[in-house]
Amino acid sequence: MKYILIIAILTMSVSAKPYFRMTDFKYDVKYTNAHGHETIELHSVANRFDKEDSIQWVFKEYKITYLDQVYCIQDSNMVMVTSPKRGVFAATENVPNPQIKYPPTIGDSMYVEQTLSNGNIMRGYLKVTDKIQYGNDTKEADKWVIEAYNLDNSTYSATYYYSKKIGFVYFDYKLDDIGIIMNLTMYIYHEDGSYNNAFEE
């Protein structure tokens, strides 16, 4: 019985898919040389009636909610989430989307091509540069640092932090003269309606 329990726990840990279960994520947003929403949410597919590879960035403005439906990959090979694209976020298309290959290793790099809204192709790459302690709950380094670059225009870049447990917890976009920082402050697991600090164990 002890061995079965251990196997079950390991299986749950390996197959955890935060973007494909009943979890939503809330980020505080800060801007440089721009104005926009102070918070943004990412709603997982389990909370919607849609195909499994589609999730939503949610912008709330006054009493209006705007949905930005995006693409997500989450399997044993990699995790990728399309950056938000509404309003001031439109320029994020010029940076490789947040993504990481499994198993993560410092020094890993990935070449990507993304189709822009004007039909052109953005060539870029991502590199895992570090593993850091980030958040109040961590007792050891557990967030992977991923740097993203536009190969054709160096004024566009980004830094992402990724947690195997929670997903992407930090986005720092440099979009020409505009800066956007998104910091995960809360995730909402809907099975019991509870709200959780993003960095509580």
Protein backbone atom coordinates (compact mmCIF):
# COMPACT_ATOMS: atom_id res chain seq x y z
CA MET A 1 0.00 0.00 0.00
CA LYS A 2 2.86 2.36 0.82
CA TYR A 3 4.35 1.87 -2.67
CA ILE A 4 1.02 2.51 -4.37
CA LEU A 5 0.63 5.77 -2.46
CA ILE A 6 4.12 6.93 -3.44
CA ILE A 7 3.48 6.11 -7.10
CA ALA A 8 0.16 7.98 -7.00
CA ILE A 9 1.79 11.07 -5.50
CA LEU A 10 4.59 11.00 -8.08
CA THR A 11 2.09 10.60 -10.91
CA MET A 12 0.03 13.56 -9.66
CA SER A 13 3.16 15.70 -9.45
CA VAL A 14 4.40 14.84 -12.94
CA SER A 15 1.02 15.22 -14.65
CA ALA A 16 0.01 18.48 -12.93
CA LYS A 17 -1.33 20.84 -15.57
CA PRO A 18 -2.29 24.17 -13.99
CA TYR A 19 -3.62 25.65 -17.24
CA PHE A 20 -5.86 22.66 -17.98
CA ARG A 21 -7.49 22.29 -14.56
CA MET A 22 -9.97 24.41 -12.60
CA THR A 23 -7.48 27.13 -11.75
CA ASP A 24 -7.48 30.81 -12.68
CA PHE A 25 -4.58 33.21 -12.17
CA LYS A 26 -4.57 36.90 -11.21
CA TYR A 27 -1.64 39.19 -12.01
CA ASP A 28 -0.88 42.73 -10.87
CA VAL A 29 0.40 44.79 -13.81
CA LYS A 30 2.78 47.77 -13.84
CA TYR A 31 3.68 49.86 -16.89
CA THR A 32 6.51 52.08 -18.04
CA ASN A 33 5.62 54.75 -20.65
CA ALA A 34 2.11 53.33 -21.00
CA HIS A 35 -1.22 52.96 -19.22
CA GLY A 36 -3.43 49.92 -18.98
CA HIS A 37 -5.32 47.56 -16.70
CA GLU A 38 -3.92 47.27 -13.17
CA THR A 39 -4.79 43.58 -13.07
CA ILE A 40 -5.20 40.84 -15.63
CA GLU A 41 -6.43 37.28 -15.19
CA LEU A 42 -5.68 34.06 -17.02
CA HIS A 43 -8.57 31.60 -16.99
CA SER A 44 -7.85 27.93 -17.51
CA VAL A 45 -9.73 25.78 -19.99
CA ALA A 46 -11.37 23.70 -17.25
CA ASN A 47 -13.55 26.69 -16.35
CA ARG A 48 -14.90 27.09 -19.87
CA PHE A 49 -16.69 25.00 -22.49
CA ASP A 50 -14.07 25.07 -25.20
CA LYS A 51 -11.30 23.03 -26.76
CA GLU A 52 -8.47 21.94 -24.50
CA ASP A 53 -5.71 24.01 -26.08
CA SER A 54 -7.55 27.31 -25.64
CA ILE A 55 -7.37 29.52 -22.54
CA GLN A 56 -8.35 33.15 -21.91
CA TRP A 57 -6.67 36.31 -20.74
CA VAL A 58 -9.38 38.36 -19.02
CA PHE A 59 -9.32 42.18 -18.88
CA LYS A 60 -11.88 43.87 -16.61
CA GLU A 61 -12.63 47.51 -17.31
CA TYR A 62 -15.35 49.21 -15.30
CA LYS A 63 -18.31 46.83 -15.66
CA ILE A 64 -17.11 45.35 -18.94
CA THR A 65 -15.08 42.16 -19.24
CA TYR A 66 -12.93 41.68 -22.33
CA LEU A 67 -11.75 38.20 -23.27
CA ASP A 68 -8.56 37.50 -25.18
CA GLN A 69 -8.67 33.86 -26.25
CA VAL A 70 -5.20 32.39 -26.73
CA TYR A 71 -3.42 29.12 -27.44
CA CYS A 72 -1.74 26.89 -24.89
CA ILE A 73 0.44 23.78 -25.06
CA GLN A 74 0.92 21.77 -21.88
CA ASP A 75 2.26 18.23 -22.11
CA SER A 76 5.26 16.14 -21.11
CA ASN A 77 7.48 17.92 -23.66
CA MET A 78 6.79 21.60 -23.03
CA VAL A 79 4.53 24.36 -21.73
CA MET A 80 3.63 27.37 -23.88
CA VAL A 81 1.10 30.13 -23.27
CA THR A 82 0.36 32.86 -25.81
CA SER A 83 1.03 36.33 -24.41
CA PRO A 84 -1.97 38.67 -23.97
CA LYS A 85 -2.64 40.82 -27.05
CA ARG A 86 -5.30 43.40 -26.10
CA GLY A 87 -4.51 47.13 -26.17
CA VAL A 88 -0.99 48.00 -25.02
CA PHE A 89 -0.25 44.26 -24.90
CA ALA A 90 -0.53 44.00 -28.70
CA ALA A 91 3.23 44.56 -29.06
CA THR A 92 3.98 41.35 -27.12
CA GLU A 93 3.63 39.53 -30.45
CA ASN A 94 7.15 40.82 -31.19
CA VAL A 95 8.62 38.63 -28.43
CA PRO A 96 8.55 34.81 -28.27
CA ASN A 97 5.59 33.59 -26.24
CA PRO A 98 6.33 32.27 -22.72
CA GLN A 99 7.45 28.66 -23.07
CA ILE A 100 9.78 26.09 -21.58
CA LYS A 101 10.81 22.56 -22.58
CA TYR A 102 10.87 19.60 -20.21
CA PRO A 103 12.96 18.75 -18.37
CA PRO A 104 14.20 22.33 -17.82
CA THR A 105 17.97 22.80 -17.71
CA ILE A 106 19.99 25.97 -17.35
CA GLY A 107 21.50 26.79 -20.74
CA ASP A 108 18.69 25.24 -22.79
CA SER A 109 17.65 27.41 -25.75
CA MET A 110 14.84 27.33 -28.27
CA TYR A 111 14.48 29.01 -31.67
CA VAL A 112 10.94 30.16 -32.52
CA GLU A 113 9.09 31.79 -35.38
CA GLN A 114 5.78 33.57 -34.75
CA THR A 115 3.38 34.98 -37.30
CA LEU A 116 2.64 38.64 -36.60
CA SER A 117 -0.73 40.33 -37.09
CA ASN A 118 0.61 41.94 -40.31
CA GLY A 119 1.51 38.53 -41.74
CA ASN A 120 5.26 38.91 -41.25
CA ILE A 121 7.32 36.42 -39.28
CA MET A 122 9.04 37.27 -36.01
CA ARG A 123 12.23 35.27 -35.47
CA GLY A 124 13.31 34.86 -31.88
CA TYR A 125 14.77 32.57 -29.28
CA LEU A 126 14.38 31.73 -25.62
CA LYS A 127 17.04 30.62 -23.17
CA VAL A 128 16.81 29.19 -19.65
CA THR A 129 19.34 31.31 -17.78
CA ASP A 130 18.86 30.59 -14.08
CA LYS A 131 16.85 28.94 -11.31
CA ILE A 132 15.94 31.29 -8.48
CA GLN A 133 14.06 31.62 -5.23
CA TYR A 134 11.01 33.78 -5.88
CA GLY A 135 8.02 34.31 -3.63
CA ASN A 136 7.50 34.19 0.10
CA ASP A 137 6.96 30.45 0.41
CA THR A 138 10.14 29.17 -1.23
CA LYS A 139 12.89 27.58 0.82
CA GLU A 140 15.06 26.82 -2.19
CA ALA A 141 15.44 27.89 -5.80
CA ASP A 142 12.38 26.65 -7.66
CA LYS A 143 11.52 29.18 -10.38
CA TRP A 144 13.14 28.85 -13.80
CA VAL A 145 14.24 32.12 -15.43
CA ILE A 146 13.66 32.25 -19.20
CA GLU A 147 14.92 35.13 -21.34
CA ALA A 148 13.24 35.81 -24.69
CA TYR A 149 14.66 37.83 -27.58
CA ASN A 150 13.59 39.13 -30.97
CA LEU A 151 16.46 38.30 -33.36
CA ASP A 152 15.57 41.04 -35.84
CA ASN A 153 14.81 43.87 -33.41
CA SER A 154 16.73 44.03 -30.12
CA THR A 155 14.32 46.61 -28.64
CA TYR A 156 11.86 43.76 -28.02
CA SER A 157 12.64 41.23 -25.29
CA ALA A 158 11.13 39.60 -22.22
CA THR A 159 11.95 37.66 -19.07
CA TYR A 160 9.64 34.97 -17.70
CA TYR A 161 9.67 33.01 -14.43
CA TYR A 162 8.21 29.52 -14.52
CA SER A 163 7.14 27.26 -11.66
CA LYS A 164 6.43 23.59 -12.30
CA LYS A 165 3.73 23.74 -9.64
CA ILE A 166 1.92 26.94 -10.62
CA GLY A 167 3.00 27.81 -14.17
CA PHE A 168 4.30 31.22 -15.30
CA VAL A 169 4.41 33.53 -12.27
CA TYR A 170 6.21 36.57 -13.69
CA PHE A 171 6.39 38.33 -17.07
CA ASP A 172 8.66 41.30 -17.79
CA TYR A 173 8.16 42.67 -21.31
CA LYS A 174 10.42 45.26 -22.96
CA LEU A 175 8.45 46.42 -26.00
CA ASP A 176 10.51 49.13 -27.68
CA ASP A 177 10.03 52.08 -25.27
CA ILE A 178 7.20 50.42 -23.30
CA GLY A 179 7.69 48.18 -20.30
CA ILE A 180 5.09 45.82 -18.81
CA ILE A 181 5.59 43.74 -15.68
CA MET A 182 2.99 41.13 -14.69
CA ASN A 183 3.39 39.53 -11.28
CA LEU A 184 1.19 36.63 -10.16
CA THR A 185 -0.49 37.55 -6.87
CA MET A 186 -3.29 35.03 -6.58
CA TYR A 187 -4.56 31.82 -8.07
CA ILE A 188 -8.13 30.66 -7.73
CA TYR A 189 -8.92 26.98 -7.58
CA HIS A 190 -12.62 26.59 -8.34
CA GLU A 191 -13.38 23.13 -7.02
CA ASP A 192 -14.15 24.62 -3.60
CA GLY A 193 -14.20 28.29 -4.62
CA SER A 194 -11.08 29.07 -2.61
CA TYR A 195 -8.69 31.93 -3.25
CA ASN A 196 -5.01 31.33 -2.64
CA ASN A 197 -1.96 33.52 -2.33
CA ALA A 198 0.14 32.63 -5.34
CA PHE A 199 3.12 31.60 -3.25
CA GLU A 200 1.55 29.61 -0.44
CA GLU A 201 2.38 25.93 -0.28
